[in-house]
Amino acid sequence: MVKEKIWTTDWVRGFAAGAVALLVLELLIAQFVWLSGHATWIKLIFPALLLAVAIFLLRKRFHIPEKLKQPIHLESAETNKLQGLTFQGQGELDQAFEKFKRVQPVDGRLLDLLYNLALEFERKRQFGKAEAVYQYIAQSNAEYRDVQLKLSRAKKLAESVSLDSSGITYSATASRSVAAAASAPVPASASSRQQSAEKPMLGRYQVEKELGKGAMGIVYLGRDPKIGRTVAIKTMALAAEFEPDELNDVKSRFFREAETAGRLSHPNIVQIFDAGEEHSLAYIAMEYVNGVDLSRNVKSNNLLKPRDVLKYIADAADALEYAHSNGIVHRDIKPANMMLLPESQTIKLMDFGIARLADSTKTKTGMVLGTPSYMSPEQLSGRPVDGRSDLFSLGVTLYQLLTGSLPFQAESMATLMFKIANEPHKPACTVRSDLPPQIDVLLNRALHKNAESRYARGGEMARDIRVILGTLS
């Protein structure tokens, strides 16, 4: 567009200079005709000289500034290029595109920068934005590299795959595309590349499929393409759950706790590999455990054998001993956060580093994060908690897995909180008669209202559980 404006201005100037020059020529011819034909001197030379001087001055007036403007245009173009590259390096791709669009004229170097920017959008699975960049390239040079092929592909993917704060969705177009890709006779390497391109990404992880939904987000099966590791990706739309004035604090706490929990390495704890944020989704990539959680075994018609329950809870207590010794409190121990691997009969605790958000924090809807039925009295009252709070929650879990009912139940939240803080639980042996009496001794200590009277360490609780386990036939 700038080039077109310059061309138009030059044409107008040339036309004006030509018209004035023609007028000067006509004046000189008129002077000659009158002088030779009529022997009459008409004073036309002076006006002709003035017009000639005017042409010279006007040409200088416009020609010199244009020469001065050229370095300014070049400097502005280079500045916008550098700013665009800076934004791109910082991951601010939208701002980078805006800067690149200000560069005129569009030359081969700029097209290279735009092409790389479009590829960056593709790597982030922002296909709609990649399409816009390819469209801009094609408008400047339709024959540039494989821009037409890239434009067509980005357009198809933009219509089929999307990822935002509500999660990852595939349209009907995507389903047809994936089905067509699966049935088409293409080479294995090409098929792998195509499948990889169509799958959304969270950070460096390919999202394969949805595994389930939690209180704050969705859990996906993912894959780290660099090392071929399969992971579970837990997503949380923090912006949708928390008020704007506390969002920054929640985010910093989330990443800090995830980083700390990532240092835990124990056979009974699901390991955290990574944490990040993309498309308004905070996520944690963790060890993928192909098992089932114990929430299916809390009903009276589907209880596990007491021996198995005691073994799993003892292992969980050992895991908590390890976590507490590293300064990490789980804050949300419950059957749903205990994953059982059927083949090895190993129990693994999940969601370390996530439940910290529950610490004195409420969502926009006023829901306290965490599960009140399993919380200790001090946690419900908002007082500081330590490892003994986790052991109280583990005691509640043990009670429920053995009896098929919770030790504290009520119709309302206020009544439930009162019972947990003040009323004794019903002895487990009166709910299930085949349990050994030592169980109630252990549960009385684990579920004591006063934290000072509970188990101080998970190892102590695990030891007492295994003593009882040894008495079972």
Protein backbone atom coordinates (compact mmCIF):
# COMPACT_ATOMS: atom_id res chain seq x y z
CA MET A 1 0.00 0.00 0.00
CA VAL A 2 2.87 2.40 0.79
CA LYS A 3 4.46 1.57 -2.55
CA GLU A 4 1.17 2.37 -4.31
CA LYS A 5 0.93 5.73 -2.53
CA ILE A 6 4.49 6.67 -3.52
CA TRP A 7 3.79 5.75 -7.13
CA THR A 8 0.60 7.90 -7.18
CA THR A 9 2.40 10.89 -5.66
CA ASP A 10 5.24 10.65 -8.20
CA TRP A 11 2.73 10.51 -11.06
CA VAL A 12 0.93 13.67 -9.85
CA ARG A 13 4.21 15.50 -9.45
CA GLY A 14 5.38 14.48 -12.91
CA PHE A 15 2.11 15.55 -14.48
CA ALA A 16 2.25 18.97 -12.78
CA ALA A 17 5.90 19.52 -13.78
CA GLY A 18 5.10 18.58 -17.37
CA ALA A 19 2.13 20.97 -17.51
CA VAL A 20 4.22 23.87 -16.19
CA ALA A 21 7.06 23.04 -18.61
CA LEU A 22 4.57 23.03 -21.49
CA LEU A 23 3.29 26.44 -20.37
CA VAL A 24 6.85 27.81 -20.32
CA LEU A 25 7.41 26.43 -23.81
CA GLU A 26 4.19 28.05 -25.04
CA LEU A 27 5.25 31.42 -23.58
CA LEU A 28 8.61 31.23 -25.34
CA ILE A 29 6.97 30.26 -28.66
CA ALA A 30 4.46 33.14 -28.29
CA GLN A 31 7.32 35.56 -27.63
CA PHE A 32 9.17 34.32 -30.73
CA VAL A 33 6.05 34.53 -32.97
CA TRP A 34 5.19 38.05 -31.93
CA LEU A 35 8.79 39.20 -32.21
CA SER A 36 9.45 37.69 -35.68
CA GLY A 37 6.01 38.19 -37.24
CA HIS A 38 4.91 41.47 -35.82
CA ALA A 39 8.23 42.99 -34.72
CA THR A 40 6.59 43.41 -31.34
CA TRP A 41 8.31 42.61 -28.03
CA ILE A 42 5.90 41.19 -25.49
CA LYS A 43 7.40 40.74 -22.03
CA LEU A 44 6.87 36.95 -21.72
CA ILE A 45 10.44 35.91 -21.01
CA PHE A 46 10.31 37.00 -17.38
CA PRO A 47 7.13 34.98 -16.53
CA ALA A 48 8.63 31.99 -18.35
CA LEU A 49 11.81 32.24 -16.25
CA LEU A 50 9.74 32.47 -13.07
CA LEU A 51 7.82 29.33 -14.02
CA ALA A 52 11.08 27.51 -14.80
CA VAL A 53 12.51 28.51 -11.42
CA ALA A 54 9.25 27.38 -9.76
CA ILE A 55 9.56 23.95 -11.43
CA PHE A 56 13.14 23.66 -10.19
CA LEU A 57 12.24 24.71 -6.65
CA LEU A 58 9.20 22.43 -6.46
CA ARG A 59 11.22 19.49 -7.69
CA LYS A 60 13.85 20.15 -5.05
CA ARG A 61 11.16 20.70 -2.42
CA PHE A 62 9.62 17.26 -2.93
CA HIS A 63 12.59 15.28 -4.13
CA ILE A 64 14.86 15.99 -1.16
CA PRO A 65 12.28 15.05 1.55
CA GLU A 66 11.56 11.80 -0.29
CA LYS A 67 15.25 10.99 -0.12
CA LEU A 68 15.18 11.81 3.59
CA LYS A 69 12.05 9.71 4.12
CA GLN A 70 13.56 6.57 2.63
CA PRO A 71 15.98 5.96 5.53
CA ILE A 72 13.14 6.71 7.98
CA HIS A 73 10.89 4.11 6.31
CA LEU A 74 13.73 1.59 6.36
CA GLU A 75 14.50 2.31 10.01
CA SER A 76 10.82 1.94 10.97
CA ALA A 77 10.57 -1.36 9.10
CA GLU A 78 13.66 -2.75 10.84
CA THR A 79 12.34 -1.58 14.22
CA ASN A 80 9.03 -3.37 13.68
CA LYS A 81 10.87 -6.50 12.57
CA LEU A 82 13.03 -6.50 15.68
CA GLN A 83 10.06 -5.85 17.95
CA GLY A 84 8.14 -8.65 16.25
CA LEU A 85 11.02 -11.07 16.77
CA THR A 86 11.27 -10.01 20.41
CA PHE A 87 7.56 -10.65 20.98
CA GLN A 88 7.86 -14.01 19.23
CA GLY A 89 10.79 -14.99 21.41
CA GLN A 90 8.70 -14.16 24.49
CA GLY A 91 5.83 -16.30 23.21
CA GLU A 92 3.63 -13.25 22.49
CA LEU A 93 2.75 -14.40 18.99
CA ASP A 94 -0.26 -12.13 18.46
CA GLN A 95 1.81 -9.01 19.18
CA ALA A 96 4.56 -10.33 16.90
CA PHE A 97 2.09 -10.64 14.02
CA GLU A 98 0.86 -7.08 14.58
CA LYS A 99 4.43 -5.76 14.37
CA PHE A 100 5.24 -7.77 11.24
CA LYS A 101 2.11 -6.43 9.52
CA ARG A 102 3.45 -2.88 9.95
CA VAL A 103 6.56 -3.65 7.92
CA GLN A 104 6.39 -2.30 4.36
CA PRO A 105 7.21 -3.24 1.72
CA VAL A 106 6.72 -6.97 2.19
CA ASP A 107 10.01 -8.51 1.04
CA GLY A 108 11.42 -12.02 1.07
CA ARG A 109 12.98 -11.59 4.52
CA LEU A 110 9.63 -10.55 6.02
CA LEU A 111 7.87 -13.49 4.35
CA ASP A 112 10.39 -15.83 5.99
CA LEU A 113 9.63 -14.28 9.39
CA LEU A 114 5.89 -14.57 8.84
CA TYR A 115 6.21 -18.18 7.71
CA ASN A 116 8.14 -19.11 10.85
CA LEU A 117 5.53 -17.29 12.94
CA ALA A 118 2.75 -19.34 11.33
CA LEU A 119 4.67 -22.53 12.10
CA GLU A 120 4.95 -21.38 15.73
CA PHE A 121 1.18 -20.91 15.87
CA GLU A 122 0.79 -24.43 14.48
CA ARG A 123 3.12 -25.86 17.12
CA LYS A 124 0.86 -24.31 19.74
CA ARG A 125 -2.15 -25.81 17.92
CA GLN A 126 -3.61 -22.33 17.32
CA PHE A 127 -4.60 -23.21 13.78
CA GLY A 128 -6.98 -20.29 13.27
CA LYS A 129 -4.17 -17.83 13.92
CA ALA A 130 -1.78 -19.81 11.73
CA GLU A 131 -4.38 -19.59 8.96
CA ALA A 132 -4.48 -15.76 9.30
CA VAL A 133 -0.69 -15.52 8.92
CA TYR A 134 -0.63 -17.84 5.89
CA GLN A 135 -3.45 -15.77 4.36
CA TYR A 136 -1.38 -12.60 4.82
CA ILE A 137 1.61 -14.27 3.16
CA ALA A 138 -0.52 -15.49 0.25
CA GLN A 139 -1.90 -11.99 -0.34
CA SER A 140 1.65 -10.67 -0.73
CA ASN A 141 3.06 -13.61 -2.68
CA ALA A 142 0.75 -16.47 -3.60
CA GLU A 143 3.71 -18.54 -4.88
CA TYR A 144 5.77 -18.30 -1.71
CA ARG A 145 7.05 -21.76 -0.73
CA ASP A 146 4.12 -24.12 0.04
CA VAL A 147 1.90 -21.38 1.49
CA GLN A 148 -1.20 -22.53 -0.41
CA LEU A 149 -0.87 -26.05 0.98
CA LYS A 150 -0.20 -24.72 4.48
CA LEU A 151 -3.16 -22.35 4.25
CA SER A 152 -5.54 -25.12 3.22
CA ARG A 153 -4.32 -27.44 5.99
CA ALA A 154 -4.50 -24.75 8.71
CA LYS A 155 -8.02 -23.85 7.64
CA LYS A 156 -9.19 -27.47 7.94
CA LEU A 157 -7.59 -27.92 11.34
CA ALA A 158 -8.95 -24.58 12.60
CA GLU A 159 -12.44 -25.85 11.84
CA SER A 160 -11.88 -29.18 13.56
CA VAL A 161 -9.70 -28.88 16.68
CA SER A 162 -9.94 -26.29 19.43
CA LEU A 163 -8.47 -25.92 22.90
CA ASP A 164 -9.51 -23.22 25.36
CA SER A 165 -10.28 -22.71 29.04
CA SER A 166 -13.31 -25.00 28.81
CA GLY A 167 -11.16 -27.89 27.62
CA ILE A 168 -10.35 -29.64 24.34
CA THR A 169 -13.04 -30.26 21.78
CA TYR A 170 -13.26 -31.96 18.41
CA SER A 171 -15.96 -30.96 15.96
CA ALA A 172 -17.77 -33.31 13.59
CA THR A 173 -15.29 -32.22 10.93
CA ALA A 174 -12.45 -33.44 13.12
CA SER A 175 -14.12 -36.80 13.66
CA ARG A 176 -14.53 -37.25 9.92
CA SER A 177 -10.96 -36.10 9.30
CA VAL A 178 -9.54 -38.51 11.84
CA ALA A 179 -11.67 -41.35 10.49
CA ALA A 180 -10.56 -40.57 6.95
CA ALA A 181 -6.95 -40.36 8.02
CA ALA A 182 -7.23 -43.73 9.76
CA SER A 183 -8.64 -45.44 6.66
CA ALA A 184 -6.43 -43.77 4.05
CA PRO A 185 -3.52 -45.90 2.76
CA VAL A 186 -0.66 -43.60 3.72
CA PRO A 187 2.86 -44.52 4.85
CA ALA A 188 3.33 -45.11 8.57
CA SER A 189 5.64 -42.11 8.99
CA ALA A 190 3.23 -39.78 7.17
CA SER A 191 0.30 -41.12 9.18
CA SER A 192 2.19 -40.50 12.39
CA ARG A 193 2.99 -36.92 11.38
CA GLN A 194 -0.61 -36.22 10.36
CA GLN A 195 -2.04 -37.69 13.57
CA SER A 196 0.45 -35.69 15.63
CA ALA A 197 -0.48 -32.48 13.84
CA GLU A 198 -4.20 -32.92 14.46
CA LYS A 199 -3.88 -33.58 18.19
CA PRO A 200 -4.10 -30.56 20.51
CA MET A 201 -1.14 -29.75 22.71
CA LEU A 202 -0.78 -28.63 26.30
CA GLY A 203 2.73 -27.36 26.69
CA ARG A 204 4.91 -30.02 25.15
CA TYR A 205 2.34 -32.80 25.58
CA GLN A 206 0.06 -34.25 22.91
CA VAL A 207 -3.48 -34.74 24.20
CA GLU A 208 -4.69 -38.23 23.26
CA LYS A 209 -8.11 -38.55 24.92
CA GLU A 210 -10.18 -37.63 27.96
CA LEU A 211 -9.81 -39.89 30.99
CA GLY A 212 -12.31 -38.28 33.33
CA LYS A 213 -13.58 -35.13 35.04
CA GLY A 214 -12.72 -33.78 38.45
CA ALA A 215 -14.07 -31.00 40.66
CA MET A 216 -11.91 -28.33 39.00
CA GLY A 217 -11.19 -29.67 35.54
CA ILE A 218 -10.66 -32.54 33.14
CA VAL A 219 -8.00 -35.25 33.16
CA TYR A 220 -6.52 -36.24 29.80
CA LEU A 221 -4.29 -39.02 28.60
CA GLY A 222 -1.25 -37.37 27.07
CA ARG A 223 2.10 -38.16 25.54
CA ASP A 224 5.45 -36.43 25.60
CA PRO A 225 6.56 -36.79 21.96
CA LYS A 226 10.20 -35.99 22.76
CA ILE A 227 10.74 -39.02 24.98
CA GLY A 228 7.64 -41.10 24.22
CA ARG A 229 6.39 -41.00 27.82
CA THR A 230 2.66 -41.50 28.48
CA VAL A 231 1.30 -39.11 31.11
CA ALA A 232 -1.95 -38.12 32.77
CA ILE A 233 -2.65 -34.39 32.39
CA LYS A 234 -4.87 -32.80 35.01
CA THR A 235 -6.24 -29.43 33.87
CA MET A 236 -7.69 -26.66 35.98
CA ALA A 237 -9.41 -23.52 34.65
CA LEU A 238 -8.23 -21.36 37.54
CA ALA A 239 -9.58 -18.14 35.98
CA ALA A 240 -13.06 -19.65 35.93
CA GLU A 241 -12.84 -20.83 39.54
CA PHE A 242 -11.24 -17.92 41.38
CA GLU A 243 -11.89 -14.21 41.68
CA PRO A 244 -9.59 -11.93 39.60
CA ASP A 245 -8.11 -10.22 42.66
CA GLU A 246 -6.78 -13.51 44.03
CA LEU A 247 -5.97 -15.25 40.74
CA ASN A 248 -2.28 -14.29 40.61
CA ASP A 249 -1.76 -15.51 44.17
CA VAL A 250 -3.55 -18.79 43.41
CA LYS A 251 -1.44 -19.35 40.29
CA SER A 252 1.86 -18.71 42.04
CA ARG A 253 0.81 -21.00 44.90
CA PHE A 254 -0.27 -23.68 42.43
CA PHE A 255 3.05 -23.72 40.56
CA ARG A 256 5.07 -23.50 43.76
CA GLU A 257 3.30 -26.47 45.31
CA ALA A 258 3.44 -28.48 42.06
CA GLU A 259 7.18 -27.89 41.87
CA THR A 260 7.64 -29.00 45.48
CA ALA A 261 5.45 -32.08 45.02
CA GLY A 262 7.40 -32.93 41.87
CA ARG A 263 10.41 -33.73 44.06
CA LEU A 264 8.58 -36.61 45.74
CA SER A 265 9.67 -40.04 44.57
CA HIS A 266 8.00 -42.92 46.38
CA PRO A 267 6.53 -46.22 45.13
CA ASN A 268 3.15 -45.34 46.66
CA ILE A 269 2.91 -41.77 45.30
CA VAL A 270 1.98 -40.81 41.75
CA GLN A 271 4.94 -38.79 40.48
CA ILE A 272 4.51 -35.27 39.09
CA PHE A 273 6.64 -34.51 36.02
CA ASP A 274 5.68 -31.01 34.97
CA ALA A 275 3.29 -28.09 35.47
CA GLY A 276 2.35 -25.21 33.21
CA GLU A 277 -0.33 -22.97 31.82
CA GLU A 278 -1.66 -22.62 28.28
CA HIS A 279 -4.90 -21.41 26.69
CA SER A 280 -6.05 -20.21 30.16
CA LEU A 281 -5.67 -23.78 31.47
CA ALA A 282 -3.30 -24.60 34.29
CA TYR A 283 -2.16 -28.21 34.07
CA ILE A 284 -0.09 -30.83 35.85
CA ALA A 285 1.51 -33.68 33.91
CA MET A 286 1.92 -36.72 36.12
CA GLU A 287 2.70 -40.40 36.00
CA TYR A 288 -0.04 -42.29 34.17
CA VAL A 289 -1.36 -45.06 36.39
CA ASN A 290 -3.45 -47.72 34.67
CA GLY A 291 -5.64 -48.61 37.60
CA VAL A 292 -8.85 -47.80 39.48
CA ASP A 293 -9.39 -45.57 42.47
CA LEU A 294 -10.92 -46.90 45.68
CA SER A 295 -14.07 -44.78 45.50
CA ARG A 296 -15.85 -47.77 43.94
CA ASN A 297 -15.17 -49.78 47.10
CA VAL A 298 -16.90 -47.55 49.66
CA LYS A 299 -20.39 -49.06 49.27
CA SER A 300 -21.46 -51.90 51.53
CA ASN A 301 -22.18 -54.16 48.53
CA ASN A 302 -18.71 -53.77 47.04
CA LEU A 303 -16.30 -53.72 49.96
CA LEU A 304 -12.79 -55.13 49.77
CA LYS A 305 -11.55 -57.80 52.17
CA PRO A 306 -10.39 -56.30 55.50
CA ARG A 307 -6.91 -57.76 54.90
CA ASP A 308 -6.59 -55.91 51.58
CA VAL A 309 -7.92 -52.66 53.03
CA LEU A 310 -5.43 -52.75 55.91
CA LYS A 311 -2.54 -53.47 53.53
CA TYR A 312 -3.44 -50.55 51.25
CA ILE A 313 -3.94 -48.10 54.14
CA ALA A 314 -0.63 -49.14 55.73
CA ASP A 315 1.17 -48.48 52.43
CA ALA A 316 -0.62 -45.13 52.16
CA ALA A 317 0.49 -44.24 55.70
CA ASP A 318 4.09 -45.00 54.72
CA ALA A 319 3.72 -42.72 51.69
CA LEU A 320 2.39 -39.93 53.92
CA GLU A 321 5.31 -40.42 56.31
CA TYR A 322 7.66 -39.82 53.37
CA ALA A 323 5.74 -36.77 52.10
CA HIS A 324 5.46 -35.21 55.56
CA SER A 325 9.18 -35.69 56.16
CA ASN A 326 9.70 -33.63 53.00
CA GLY A 327 7.46 -30.86 54.29
CA ILE A 328 4.42 -31.64 52.10
CA VAL A 329 0.89 -32.07 53.44
CA HIS A 330 -1.64 -33.56 51.02
CA ARG A 331 -4.84 -31.98 52.49
CA ASP A 332 -7.29 -34.10 50.48
CA ILE A 333 -6.77 -37.77 51.38
CA LYS A 334 -9.83 -39.80 50.37
CA PRO A 335 -10.63 -43.01 48.45
CA ALA A 336 -10.91 -41.12 45.13
CA ASN A 337 -7.28 -40.00 45.50
CA MET A 338 -6.00 -43.53 46.11
CA MET A 339 -5.29 -45.44 42.90
CA LEU A 340 -5.03 -49.24 42.93
CA LEU A 341 -2.93 -51.04 40.34
CA PRO A 342 -4.72 -54.41 39.98
CA GLU A 343 -1.77 -56.36 38.57
CA SER A 344 0.70 -55.49 41.31
CA GLN A 345 -1.90 -54.76 44.04
CA THR A 346 -0.02 -51.49 44.67
CA ILE A 347 -1.74 -48.41 46.04
CA LYS A 348 -0.67 -44.94 44.88
CA LEU A 349 -1.69 -41.59 46.36
CA MET A 350 -2.64 -38.93 43.80
CA ASP A 351 -2.98 -35.15 43.64
CA PHE A 352 -0.10 -33.99 45.79
CA GLY A 353 0.46 -30.33 45.01
CA ILE A 354 -3.15 -29.66 44.03
CA ALA A 355 -5.07 -29.72 47.29
CA ARG A 356 -2.92 -26.86 48.61
CA LEU A 357 -5.34 -24.56 46.78
CA ALA A 358 -7.91 -25.57 49.37
CA ASP A 359 -5.95 -23.83 52.08
CA SER A 360 -8.25 -20.94 53.13
CA THR A 361 -9.40 -20.44 49.53
CA LYS A 362 -12.87 -20.51 48.07
CA THR A 363 -14.05 -20.61 44.50
CA LYS A 364 -16.34 -18.05 42.81
CA THR A 365 -19.31 -20.22 43.74
CA GLY A 366 -18.28 -20.29 47.40
CA MET A 367 -17.36 -23.98 47.30
CA VAL A 368 -14.49 -24.88 49.60
CA LEU A 369 -11.99 -26.96 47.68
CA GLY A 370 -11.47 -30.41 49.13
CA THR A 371 -13.96 -32.93 50.55
CA PRO A 372 -15.43 -31.88 53.94
CA SER A 373 -16.41 -35.42 55.01
CA TYR A 374 -12.72 -36.37 55.16
CA MET A 375 -11.34 -33.14 56.65
CA SER A 376 -9.89 -32.85 60.14
CA PRO A 377 -11.45 -30.47 62.70
CA GLU A 378 -8.55 -28.01 62.36
CA GLN A 379 -8.79 -28.02 58.56
CA LEU A 380 -12.52 -27.30 58.61
CA SER A 381 -12.02 -24.43 61.03
CA GLY A 382 -9.32 -22.88 58.85
CA ARG A 383 -6.52 -23.38 61.36
CA PRO A 384 -2.99 -24.30 60.20
CA VAL A 385 -2.63 -28.01 59.41
CA ASP A 386 0.25 -30.46 59.40
CA GLY A 387 0.70 -34.17 58.71
CA ARG A 388 -1.65 -35.18 61.51
CA SER A 389 -4.54 -33.71 59.49
CA ASP A 390 -3.72 -36.11 56.64
CA LEU A 391 -3.69 -39.02 59.10
CA PHE A 392 -7.16 -38.01 60.34
CA SER A 393 -8.36 -38.11 56.70
CA LEU A 394 -6.66 -41.49 56.25
CA GLY A 395 -8.53 -42.73 59.35
CA VAL A 396 -11.84 -41.61 57.82
CA THR A 397 -10.89 -43.44 54.60
CA LEU A 398 -10.00 -46.61 56.52
CA TYR A 399 -13.33 -46.48 58.39
CA GLN A 400 -15.31 -46.08 55.16
CA LEU A 401 -13.47 -48.81 53.25
CA LEU A 402 -14.04 -51.25 56.11
CA THR A 403 -17.67 -50.44 56.92
CA GLY A 404 -19.17 -48.93 53.77
CA SER A 405 -20.19 -45.74 55.63
CA LEU A 406 -18.57 -42.52 56.78
CA PRO A 407 -17.83 -42.01 60.50
CA PHE A 408 -19.47 -38.54 60.42
CA GLN A 409 -22.68 -37.91 58.46
CA ALA A 410 -25.18 -35.07 58.45
CA GLU A 411 -27.86 -33.40 56.33
CA SER A 412 -26.15 -30.02 56.19
CA MET A 413 -22.58 -28.72 56.00
CA ALA A 414 -22.90 -26.88 59.31
CA THR A 415 -24.10 -30.00 61.13
CA LEU A 416 -21.38 -32.11 59.53
CA MET A 417 -18.68 -29.67 60.63
CA PHE A 418 -20.09 -29.67 64.16
CA LYS A 419 -20.06 -33.48 64.34
CA ILE A 420 -16.49 -33.76 63.05
CA ALA A 421 -15.30 -31.20 65.59
CA ASN A 422 -17.33 -32.35 68.61
CA GLU A 423 -19.14 -35.70 68.38
CA PRO A 424 -17.56 -39.18 68.63
CA HIS A 425 -17.87 -41.55 65.70
CA LYS A 426 -19.79 -44.81 65.90
CA PRO A 427 -17.40 -47.71 66.62
CA ALA A 428 -16.56 -49.58 63.41
CA CYS A 429 -17.07 -52.98 65.04
CA THR A 430 -20.71 -52.16 65.75
CA VAL A 431 -21.21 -51.37 62.04
CA ARG A 432 -19.37 -54.49 60.88
CA SER A 433 -19.22 -57.31 63.41
CA ASP A 434 -16.45 -59.37 61.77
CA LEU A 435 -13.78 -56.73 62.37
CA PRO A 436 -11.18 -57.31 65.10
CA PRO A 437 -11.61 -55.02 68.17
CA GLN A 438 -8.10 -53.59 67.69
CA ILE A 439 -9.49 -51.71 64.69
CA ASP A 440 -11.53 -49.46 66.95
CA VAL A 441 -8.51 -48.73 69.14
CA LEU A 442 -6.57 -47.64 66.06
CA LEU A 443 -9.46 -45.58 64.66
CA ASN A 444 -10.08 -43.86 68.01
CA ARG A 445 -6.53 -42.57 67.92
CA ALA A 446 -6.54 -41.65 64.21
CA LEU A 447 -9.88 -39.80 64.50
CA HIS A 448 -9.17 -37.97 67.76
CA LYS A 449 -10.48 -34.39 67.77
CA ASN A 450 -7.24 -33.10 69.27
CA ALA A 451 -4.32 -33.35 66.86
CA GLU A 452 -1.92 -33.78 69.79
CA SER A 453 -3.61 -37.08 70.69
CA ARG A 454 -3.50 -38.53 67.16
CA TYR A 455 -0.72 -40.41 65.43
CA ALA A 456 2.20 -38.04 65.09
CA ARG A 457 3.68 -39.85 62.09
CA GLY A 458 2.39 -42.04 59.29
CA GLY A 459 4.99 -44.68 60.11
CA GLU A 460 3.45 -45.20 63.56
CA MET A 461 0.00 -45.70 62.08
CA ALA A 462 1.38 -48.09 59.44
CA ARG A 463 3.11 -50.13 62.17
CA ASP A 464 -0.09 -50.51 64.21
CA ILE A 465 -2.09 -51.44 61.12
CA ARG A 466 0.39 -54.18 60.23
CA VAL A 467 0.21 -55.54 63.77
CA ILE A 468 -3.54 -55.94 63.35
CA LEU A 469 -2.97 -57.40 59.88
CA GLY A 470 -0.78 -60.09 61.42
CA THR A 471 -3.67 -61.25 63.65
CA LEU A 472 -6.01 -61.87 60.73
CA SER A 473 -6.28 -65.39 59.37
